[in-house]
N, C-alpha and C. Protein backbone atom coordinates (compact mmCIF):
# COMPACT_ATOMS: atom_id res chain seq x y z
N MET A 1 0.85 -1.16 0.00
CA MET A 1 0.00 -0.01 0.00
C MET A 1 0.90 1.22 -0.01
N GLY A 2 0.63 2.16 -0.89
CA GLY A 2 1.42 3.38 -0.97
C GLY A 2 0.96 4.44 -0.01
N TYR A 3 1.62 5.57 -0.05
CA TYR A 3 1.36 6.69 0.87
C TYR A 3 -0.07 7.19 0.76
N THR A 4 -0.51 7.50 -0.46
CA THR A 4 -1.84 8.11 -0.65
C THR A 4 -2.95 7.18 -0.19
N CYS A 5 -2.84 5.92 -0.57
CA CYS A 5 -3.88 4.95 -0.16
C CYS A 5 -3.89 4.79 1.36
N ALA A 6 -2.73 4.68 1.95
CA ALA A 6 -2.65 4.51 3.43
C ALA A 6 -3.24 5.70 4.13
N ARG A 7 -2.99 6.92 3.62
CA ARG A 7 -3.57 8.13 4.24
C ARG A 7 -5.09 8.13 4.10
N ARG A 8 -5.60 7.68 2.94
CA ARG A 8 -7.06 7.65 2.77
C ARG A 8 -7.70 6.68 3.77
N TYR A 9 -7.07 5.53 3.97
CA TYR A 9 -7.56 4.57 4.94
C TYR A 9 -7.44 5.11 6.37
N ALA A 10 -6.43 5.93 6.60
CA ALA A 10 -6.25 6.51 7.94
C ALA A 10 -7.31 7.58 8.18
N ASN A 11 -7.74 8.28 7.14
CA ASN A 11 -8.68 9.37 7.32
C ASN A 11 -10.13 8.89 7.27
N TYR A 12 -10.43 7.84 6.50
CA TYR A 12 -11.81 7.42 6.28
C TYR A 12 -11.93 5.90 6.51
N LYS A 13 -12.89 5.50 7.29
CA LYS A 13 -13.11 4.07 7.57
C LYS A 13 -13.35 3.34 6.24
N GLY A 14 -12.59 2.27 6.04
CA GLY A 14 -12.73 1.47 4.83
C GLY A 14 -12.17 2.14 3.59
N GLY A 15 -11.53 3.28 3.75
CA GLY A 15 -10.92 4.00 2.65
C GLY A 15 -11.93 4.68 1.74
N LYS A 16 -13.18 4.73 2.16
CA LYS A 16 -14.22 5.35 1.34
C LYS A 16 -14.39 6.81 1.74
N LYS A 17 -14.13 7.69 0.78
CA LYS A 17 -14.24 9.14 1.06
C LYS A 17 -15.67 9.65 0.83
N TYR A 18 -16.40 9.02 -0.09
CA TYR A 18 -17.73 9.49 -0.42
C TYR A 18 -18.75 8.39 -0.19
N ASP A 19 -19.92 8.76 0.28
CA ASP A 19 -21.00 7.83 0.59
C ASP A 19 -21.93 7.72 -0.60
N LYS A 20 -21.84 6.62 -1.34
CA LYS A 20 -22.69 6.48 -2.53
C LYS A 20 -24.16 6.26 -2.16
N GLU A 21 -24.44 5.85 -0.94
CA GLU A 21 -25.81 5.65 -0.48
C GLU A 21 -26.48 6.99 -0.15
N ASN A 22 -25.68 8.03 0.04
CA ASN A 22 -26.21 9.31 0.48
C ASN A 22 -25.82 10.42 -0.52
N ASN A 23 -26.13 10.21 -1.79
CA ASN A 23 -25.87 11.19 -2.86
C ASN A 23 -24.41 11.61 -2.93
N TYR A 24 -23.52 10.69 -2.63
CA TYR A 24 -22.06 10.91 -2.70
C TYR A 24 -21.59 12.07 -1.85
N GLN A 25 -22.21 12.21 -0.69
CA GLN A 25 -21.74 13.20 0.28
C GLN A 25 -20.41 12.73 0.87
N GLN A 26 -19.55 13.67 1.23
CA GLN A 26 -18.26 13.29 1.81
C GLN A 26 -18.49 12.69 3.19
N MET A 27 -17.79 11.57 3.45
CA MET A 27 -17.90 10.88 4.73
C MET A 27 -17.19 11.69 5.82
N ALA A 28 -17.46 11.35 7.08
CA ALA A 28 -16.83 12.01 8.21
C ALA A 28 -15.33 11.65 8.23
N ARG A 29 -14.51 12.65 8.39
CA ARG A 29 -13.07 12.44 8.44
C ARG A 29 -12.67 12.05 9.86
N GLY A 30 -11.59 11.28 9.96
CA GLY A 30 -11.11 10.87 11.29
C GLY A 30 -11.72 9.58 11.78
N THR A 31 -12.37 8.84 10.89
CA THR A 31 -12.99 7.58 11.29
C THR A 31 -12.15 6.38 10.92
N GLY A 32 -10.95 6.64 10.37
CA GLY A 32 -10.10 5.57 9.85
C GLY A 32 -9.31 4.83 10.92
N GLU A 33 -8.34 4.09 10.45
CA GLU A 33 -7.55 3.22 11.32
C GLU A 33 -6.18 3.84 11.61
N SER A 34 -5.82 3.87 12.89
CA SER A 34 -4.56 4.52 13.29
C SER A 34 -3.32 3.80 12.76
N GLU A 35 -3.38 2.47 12.61
CA GLU A 35 -2.20 1.77 12.08
C GLU A 35 -1.92 2.14 10.64
N LYS A 36 -2.95 2.56 9.90
CA LYS A 36 -2.76 3.02 8.54
C LYS A 36 -2.03 4.33 8.50
N ALA A 37 -2.31 5.20 9.48
CA ALA A 37 -1.59 6.48 9.58
C ALA A 37 -0.13 6.22 9.89
N GLU A 38 0.13 5.28 10.78
CA GLU A 38 1.52 4.92 11.11
C GLU A 38 2.22 4.35 9.89
N SER A 39 1.50 3.50 9.16
CA SER A 39 2.04 2.91 7.93
C SER A 39 2.40 3.99 6.89
N ALA A 40 1.50 4.96 6.73
CA ALA A 40 1.75 6.05 5.78
C ALA A 40 2.96 6.89 6.21
N SER A 41 3.13 7.10 7.49
CA SER A 41 4.28 7.86 7.98
C SER A 41 5.57 7.13 7.75
N ILE A 42 5.60 5.82 7.95
CA ILE A 42 6.80 5.01 7.66
C ILE A 42 7.12 5.03 6.18
N PHE A 43 6.08 4.84 5.36
CA PHE A 43 6.25 4.84 3.91
C PHE A 43 6.84 6.17 3.46
N TYR A 44 6.31 7.28 3.97
CA TYR A 44 6.74 8.60 3.60
C TYR A 44 8.22 8.82 3.94
N GLU A 45 8.64 8.40 5.10
CA GLU A 45 10.04 8.55 5.52
C GLU A 45 10.98 7.79 4.57
N VAL A 46 10.65 6.56 4.26
CA VAL A 46 11.49 5.74 3.38
C VAL A 46 11.47 6.28 1.96
N TRP A 47 10.32 6.76 1.51
CA TRP A 47 10.17 7.35 0.18
C TRP A 47 11.08 8.56 0.03
N LYS A 48 11.06 9.47 1.00
CA LYS A 48 11.91 10.67 0.93
C LYS A 48 13.39 10.32 1.04
N LYS A 49 13.70 9.32 1.83
CA LYS A 49 15.10 8.86 1.93
C LYS A 49 15.57 8.32 0.58
N ALA A 50 14.72 7.54 -0.10
CA ALA A 50 15.07 7.00 -1.41
C ALA A 50 15.23 8.14 -2.43
N GLU A 51 14.33 9.11 -2.41
CA GLU A 51 14.42 10.22 -3.34
C GLU A 51 15.68 11.05 -3.17
N SER A 52 16.24 11.09 -1.96
CA SER A 52 17.44 11.87 -1.73
C SER A 52 18.72 11.14 -2.13
N HIS A 53 18.60 9.85 -2.46
CA HIS A 53 19.75 9.07 -2.86
C HIS A 53 20.21 9.51 -4.26
N PRO A 54 21.49 9.81 -4.46
CA PRO A 54 22.00 10.30 -5.75
C PRO A 54 21.72 9.33 -6.92
N GLY A 55 21.85 8.05 -6.70
CA GLY A 55 21.59 7.06 -7.75
C GLY A 55 20.15 7.08 -8.21
N TYR A 56 19.23 7.20 -7.24
CA TYR A 56 17.82 7.26 -7.55
C TYR A 56 17.52 8.54 -8.36
N ALA A 57 18.08 9.66 -7.91
CA ALA A 57 17.86 10.93 -8.60
C ALA A 57 18.32 10.87 -10.04
N LYS A 58 19.46 10.23 -10.27
CA LYS A 58 20.00 10.08 -11.62
C LYS A 58 19.09 9.21 -12.49
N GLN A 59 18.63 8.10 -11.93
CA GLN A 59 17.73 7.22 -12.69
C GLN A 59 16.41 7.88 -12.97
N LYS A 60 15.88 8.65 -12.00
CA LYS A 60 14.59 9.31 -12.18
C LYS A 60 14.72 10.38 -13.28
N LYS A 61 15.83 11.10 -13.28
CA LYS A 61 16.02 12.14 -14.31
C LYS A 61 16.10 11.49 -15.69
N SER A 62 16.80 10.38 -15.78
CA SER A 62 16.93 9.65 -17.06
C SER A 62 15.58 9.16 -17.50
N TRP A 63 14.80 8.61 -16.60
CA TRP A 63 13.47 8.10 -16.92
C TRP A 63 12.56 9.23 -17.43
N LYS A 64 12.61 10.39 -16.75
CA LYS A 64 11.77 11.52 -17.18
C LYS A 64 12.17 12.02 -18.57
N GLU A 65 13.47 12.01 -18.85
CA GLU A 65 13.92 12.45 -20.18
C GLU A 65 13.43 11.52 -21.25
N GLN A 66 13.43 10.21 -20.95
CA GLN A 66 13.05 9.21 -21.95
C GLN A 66 11.52 9.09 -22.12
N LEU A 67 10.84 9.07 -20.99
CA LEU A 67 9.42 8.74 -21.03
C LEU A 67 8.50 9.88 -20.59
N GLY A 68 9.07 10.96 -20.07
CA GLY A 68 8.24 12.10 -19.75
C GLY A 68 7.66 12.06 -18.41
């Protein structure tokens, strides 16, 4: 599970942001699972650490030049 998905599950129970039973009104925030918030925080730390690595930065630049 990536950062964005983990944050959505942390914010909304079941990861559902909108209630399709109630004309797609936004669900109450803060009803999610705390371990998902912890998971997102761990993922974010490792992600930023990887992005700061010179080898990763070089590969990412090359990828963007080739594929946009």
